[in-house]
Structures are given as C-alpha cells and as structure tokens.
Amino acid sequence: MEIMRLAFNHGDPAGPLRHSTQTALAPWVIPDDLDDAMVVVSELVQNVTQHTAGGGELVVTVEPGAVIIEVRDYSPVLPKVQPPDAQRLGGRGLLLVAGVTRAWGAAPTAQGKVVWARLATADIRSDSVT
C-alpha cells in the first residue's frame, strides 16, 4: 500500500523528506527499521538533488514484511556503485543503501529513471493495516 508520494526540487535538502517519511512510516515499522529507511531516503534523495539537473519524486510503499522506497527523477543516467576510495569524499551512499536493504536497483522510465530499495522489516504492525 502506497503511504506517501512527495515531489522535490533540485537542490532541496533531504531533511524535510526524511521527516515526512518518518511520520508516515512510524505507525508501520519498528524504530530500528525506521532508522534504516531514513538512511535510504537520505541517500537516494541526495543522489538526485546533487547529481541530476531536475527534481524528483519520493514514493514509499509498505507491504507485509517490507518497505519499498522509490525515488524517481528525470535523468536517464543509472546510478553506479563506486568502490570505496579513501582519497574521495562522498561516493558511499549506494554502498550504505546496499548494506541496509534486502535489495535495491534502478530502471529506466519514459521520463528518466527510478531507483528503488526494498527493506525487510521485523514488524509491519497489523493494527495499522486498513
């Protein structure tokens, strides 16, 4: 079930989107899983705002045992994981995403691309399902 969809502009900070995601997900997941989701939102949104010319859209979906976070943007360039490099600042975001998710990937769309991440959750609270 989709619980949140928010557009954002090029250069926008990830903080407000993290806050909105935290508020939307809090009834659905345990705190540790919420922390992992915040890492994913930060990294995927920052990739768009730092490495593309336009804005994007954040979509959060919950299903039993998982949270899916998607970030859509207008660039056709798919992200690449960079190997760790002590001489380079940054460039570790997708490694972080890979470390806290069950799976992640990217796919071209008619308007650009979508980068998605699936987080396993210890508990999707059944009392929150409508």
C-alpha atoms as a PDB file:
ATOM      1  CA  MET A   1       0.000   0.000   0.000  1.00  0.00           C
ATOM      2  CA  GLU A   2       1.422   3.358  -1.004  1.00  0.00           C
ATOM      3  CA  ILE A   3       1.575   5.580   2.074  1.00  0.00           C
ATOM      4  CA  MET A   4       3.434   8.608   0.753  1.00  0.00           C
ATOM      5  CA  ARG A   5       4.273  10.379  -2.511  1.00  0.00           C
ATOM      6  CA  LEU A   6       6.143  13.695  -2.460  1.00  0.00           C
ATOM      7  CA  ALA A   7       7.790  15.766  -5.171  1.00  0.00           C
ATOM      8  CA  PHE A   8      11.035  17.607  -4.503  1.00  0.00           C
ATOM      9  CA  ASN A   9      13.170  20.121  -6.405  1.00  0.00           C
ATOM     10  CA  HIS A  10      16.789  20.126  -7.466  1.00  0.00           C
ATOM     11  CA  GLY A  11      18.953  21.203  -4.540  1.00  0.00           C
ATOM     12  CA  ASP A  12      16.294  20.626  -1.871  1.00  0.00           C
ATOM     13  CA  PRO A  13      17.662  19.220   1.386  1.00  0.00           C
ATOM     14  CA  ALA A  14      16.698  15.654   2.264  1.00  0.00           C
ATOM     15  CA  GLY A  15      15.713  16.604   5.840  1.00  0.00           C
ATOM     16  CA  PRO A  16      12.074  17.548   5.191  1.00  0.00           C
ATOM     17  CA  LEU A  17      11.552  14.394   3.122  1.00  0.00           C
ATOM     18  CA  ARG A  18      13.107  12.291   5.891  1.00  0.00           C
ATOM     19  CA  HIS A  19      10.775  13.911   8.413  1.00  0.00           C
ATOM     20  CA  SER A  20       7.713  13.248   6.236  1.00  0.00           C
ATOM     21  CA  THR A  21       8.809   9.652   5.678  1.00  0.00           C
ATOM     22  CA  GLN A  22       9.421   9.142   9.383  1.00  0.00           C
ATOM     23  CA  THR A  23       5.950  10.426  10.212  1.00  0.00           C
ATOM     24  CA  ALA A  24       4.316   8.273   7.526  1.00  0.00           C
ATOM     25  CA  LEU A  25       6.220   5.075   8.421  1.00  0.00           C
ATOM     26  CA  ALA A  26       6.176   5.324  12.232  1.00  0.00           C
ATOM     27  CA  PRO A  27       2.822   3.531  12.612  1.00  0.00           C
ATOM     28  CA  TRP A  28       4.013   0.698  10.350  1.00  0.00           C
ATOM     29  CA  VAL A  29       7.526  -0.302  11.428  1.00  0.00           C
ATOM     30  CA  ILE A  30       9.687  -0.749  14.492  1.00  0.00           C
ATOM     31  CA  PRO A  31      12.239   2.003  15.299  1.00  0.00           C
ATOM     32  CA  ASP A  32      15.314   0.123  14.014  1.00  0.00           C
ATOM     33  CA  ASP A  33      13.669  -0.378  10.629  1.00  0.00           C
ATOM     34  CA  LEU A  34      12.627   3.258  10.603  1.00  0.00           C
ATOM     35  CA  ASP A  35      16.280   4.264  11.069  1.00  0.00           C
ATOM     36  CA  ASP A  36      17.285   2.167   8.048  1.00  0.00           C
ATOM     37  CA  ALA A  37      14.543   3.766   5.973  1.00  0.00           C
ATOM     38  CA  MET A  38      15.866   7.222   6.889  1.00  0.00           C
ATOM     39  CA  VAL A  39      19.326   6.261   5.593  1.00  0.00           C
ATOM     40  CA  VAL A  40      17.829   5.090   2.302  1.00  0.00           C
ATOM     41  CA  VAL A  41      15.695   8.215   1.849  1.00  0.00           C
ATOM     42  CA  SER A  42      18.666  10.464   2.592  1.00  0.00           C
ATOM     43  CA  GLU A  43      20.998   8.747   0.175  1.00  0.00           C
ATOM     44  CA  LEU A  44      18.578   8.317  -2.720  1.00  0.00           C
ATOM     45  CA  VAL A  45      17.161  11.841  -2.493  1.00  0.00           C
ATOM     46  CA  GLN A  46      20.624  13.385  -2.153  1.00  0.00           C
ATOM     47  CA  ASN A  47      21.782  11.490  -5.241  1.00  0.00           C
ATOM     48  CA  VAL A  48      19.003  13.141  -7.238  1.00  0.00           C
ATOM     49  CA  THR A  49      19.476  16.625  -5.804  1.00  0.00           C
ATOM     50  CA  GLN A  50      23.272  16.514  -6.213  1.00  0.00           C
ATOM     51  CA  HIS A  51      23.726  14.600  -9.464  1.00  0.00           C
ATOM     52  CA  THR A  52      20.786  15.500 -11.716  1.00  0.00           C
ATOM     53  CA  ALA A  53      19.571  18.766 -13.180  1.00  0.00           C
ATOM     54  CA  GLY A  54      15.942  18.426 -12.117  1.00  0.00           C
ATOM     55  CA  GLY A  55      13.930  17.394  -9.137  1.00  0.00           C
ATOM     56  CA  GLY A  56      12.240  14.125  -8.422  1.00  0.00           C
ATOM     57  CA  GLU A  57       9.570  12.242  -6.554  1.00  0.00           C
ATOM     58  CA  LEU A  58       9.786  10.073  -3.439  1.00  0.00           C
ATOM     59  CA  VAL A  59       7.306   7.182  -3.112  1.00  0.00           C
ATOM     60  CA  VAL A  60       7.031   4.989  -0.010  1.00  0.00           C
ATOM     61  CA  THR A  61       5.070   1.734  -0.012  1.00  0.00           C
ATOM     62  CA  VAL A  62       4.510  -0.792   2.760  1.00  0.00           C
ATOM     63  CA  GLU A  63       3.658  -4.444   2.409  1.00  0.00           C
ATOM     64  CA  PRO A  64       3.840  -7.342   4.843  1.00  0.00           C
ATOM     65  CA  GLY A  65       7.479  -7.703   5.882  1.00  0.00           C
ATOM     66  CA  ALA A  66       8.846  -4.891   3.707  1.00  0.00           C
ATOM     67  CA  VAL A  67       9.063  -1.194   2.981  1.00  0.00           C
ATOM     68  CA  ILE A  68       9.762  -0.108  -0.602  1.00  0.00           C
ATOM     69  CA  ILE A  69      11.304   3.298  -1.181  1.00  0.00           C
ATOM     70  CA  GLU A  70      11.396   4.651  -4.728  1.00  0.00           C
ATOM     71  CA  VAL A  71      12.972   7.853  -5.966  1.00  0.00           C
ATOM     72  CA  ARG A  72      12.100   8.926  -9.496  1.00  0.00           C
ATOM     73  CA  ASP A  73      13.918  11.612 -11.450  1.00  0.00           C
ATOM     74  CA  TYR A  74      14.259  12.952 -14.984  1.00  0.00           C
ATOM     75  CA  SER A  75      17.821  11.841 -15.704  1.00  0.00           C
ATOM     76  CA  PRO A  76      18.298   8.725 -17.842  1.00  0.00           C
ATOM     77  CA  VAL A  77      21.714   8.045 -16.259  1.00  0.00           C
ATOM     78  CA  LEU A  78      21.529   4.997 -13.986  1.00  0.00           C
ATOM     79  CA  PRO A  79      23.486   5.119 -10.713  1.00  0.00           C
ATOM     80  CA  LYS A  80      26.669   3.112 -10.267  1.00  0.00           C
ATOM     81  CA  VAL A  81      28.131   1.839  -7.020  1.00  0.00           C
ATOM     82  CA  GLN A  82      31.576   3.308  -6.532  1.00  0.00           C
ATOM     83  CA  PRO A  83      34.219   1.191  -4.815  1.00  0.00           C
ATOM     84  CA  PRO A  84      35.424   2.636  -1.516  1.00  0.00           C
ATOM     85  CA  ASP A  85      38.230   5.129  -2.017  1.00  0.00           C
ATOM     86  CA  ALA A  86      39.965   6.785   0.940  1.00  0.00           C
ATOM     87  CA  GLN A  87      41.034   9.646  -1.353  1.00  0.00           C
ATOM     88  CA  ARG A  88      37.473  10.562  -2.401  1.00  0.00           C
ATOM     89  CA  LEU A  89      34.967  12.463  -0.314  1.00  0.00           C
ATOM     90  CA  GLY A  90      31.475  11.008  -0.563  1.00  0.00           C
ATOM     91  CA  GLY A  91      30.502   8.379  -3.070  1.00  0.00           C
ATOM     92  CA  ARG A  92      29.493   5.783  -0.491  1.00  0.00           C
ATOM     93  CA  GLY A  93      25.735   6.344  -0.486  1.00  0.00           C
ATOM     94  CA  LEU A  94      24.772   3.366  -2.602  1.00  0.00           C
ATOM     95  CA  LEU A  95      27.061   1.156  -0.524  1.00  0.00           C
ATOM     96  CA  LEU A  96      25.081   2.282   2.531  1.00  0.00           C
ATOM     97  CA  VAL A  97      21.800   1.591   0.747  1.00  0.00           C
ATOM     98  CA  ALA A  98      23.014  -1.883  -0.226  1.00  0.00           C
ATOM     99  CA  GLY A  99      24.082  -2.523   3.362  1.00  0.00           C
ATOM    100  CA  VAL A 100      20.710  -1.784   4.972  1.00  0.00           C
ATOM    101  CA  THR A 101      18.347  -3.170   2.327  1.00  0.00           C
ATOM    102  CA  ARG A 102      17.270  -6.593   1.161  1.00  0.00           C
ATOM    103  CA  ALA A 103      17.653  -5.440  -2.454  1.00  0.00           C
ATOM    104  CA  TRP A 104      17.957  -2.267  -4.482  1.00  0.00           C
ATOM    105  CA  GLY A 105      18.119  -1.366  -8.133  1.00  0.00           C
ATOM    106  CA  ALA A 106      17.453   1.152 -10.844  1.00  0.00           C
ATOM    107  CA  ALA A 107      15.448   1.066 -14.043  1.00  0.00           C
ATOM    108  CA  PRO A 108      14.881   3.484 -16.894  1.00  0.00           C
ATOM    109  CA  THR A 109      11.437   5.031 -17.254  1.00  0.00           C
ATOM    110  CA  ALA A 110       9.837   7.027 -20.059  1.00  0.00           C
ATOM    111  CA  GLN A 111      10.647  10.225 -18.114  1.00  0.00           C
ATOM    112  CA  GLY A 112      14.087   9.306 -16.690  1.00  0.00           C
ATOM    113  CA  LYS A 113      14.638   6.586 -14.108  1.00  0.00           C
ATOM    114  CA  VAL A 114      13.508   5.098 -10.824  1.00  0.00           C
ATOM    115  CA  VAL A 115      15.885   3.955  -8.099  1.00  0.00           C
ATOM    116  CA  TRP A 116      14.238   1.628  -5.604  1.00  0.00           C
ATOM    117  CA  ALA A 117      15.156  -0.103  -2.377  1.00  0.00           C
ATOM    118  CA  ARG A 118      13.354  -2.888  -0.519  1.00  0.00           C
ATOM    119  CA  LEU A 119      13.895  -3.022   3.226  1.00  0.00           C
ATOM    120  CA  ALA A 120      12.990  -6.133   5.161  1.00  0.00           C
ATOM    121  CA  THR A 121      11.016  -5.204   8.253  1.00  0.00           C
ATOM    122  CA  ALA A 122      10.849  -7.065  11.508  1.00  0.00           C
ATOM    123  CA  ASP A 123       7.269  -5.989  12.043  1.00  0.00           C
ATOM    124  CA  ILE A 124       4.703  -4.359   9.834  1.00  0.00           C
ATOM    125  CA  ARG A 125       2.205  -3.575  12.530  1.00  0.00           C
ATOM    126  CA  SER A 126      -1.000  -5.396  11.608  1.00  0.00           C
ATOM    127  CA  ASP A 127      -3.141  -2.978  13.611  1.00  0.00           C
ATOM    128  CA  SER A 128      -2.114  -0.232  11.159  1.00  0.00           C
ATOM    129  CA  VAL A 129      -3.370  -2.040   8.059  1.00  0.00           C
ATOM    130  CA  THR A 130      -6.645  -0.631   6.782  1.00  0.00           C
END
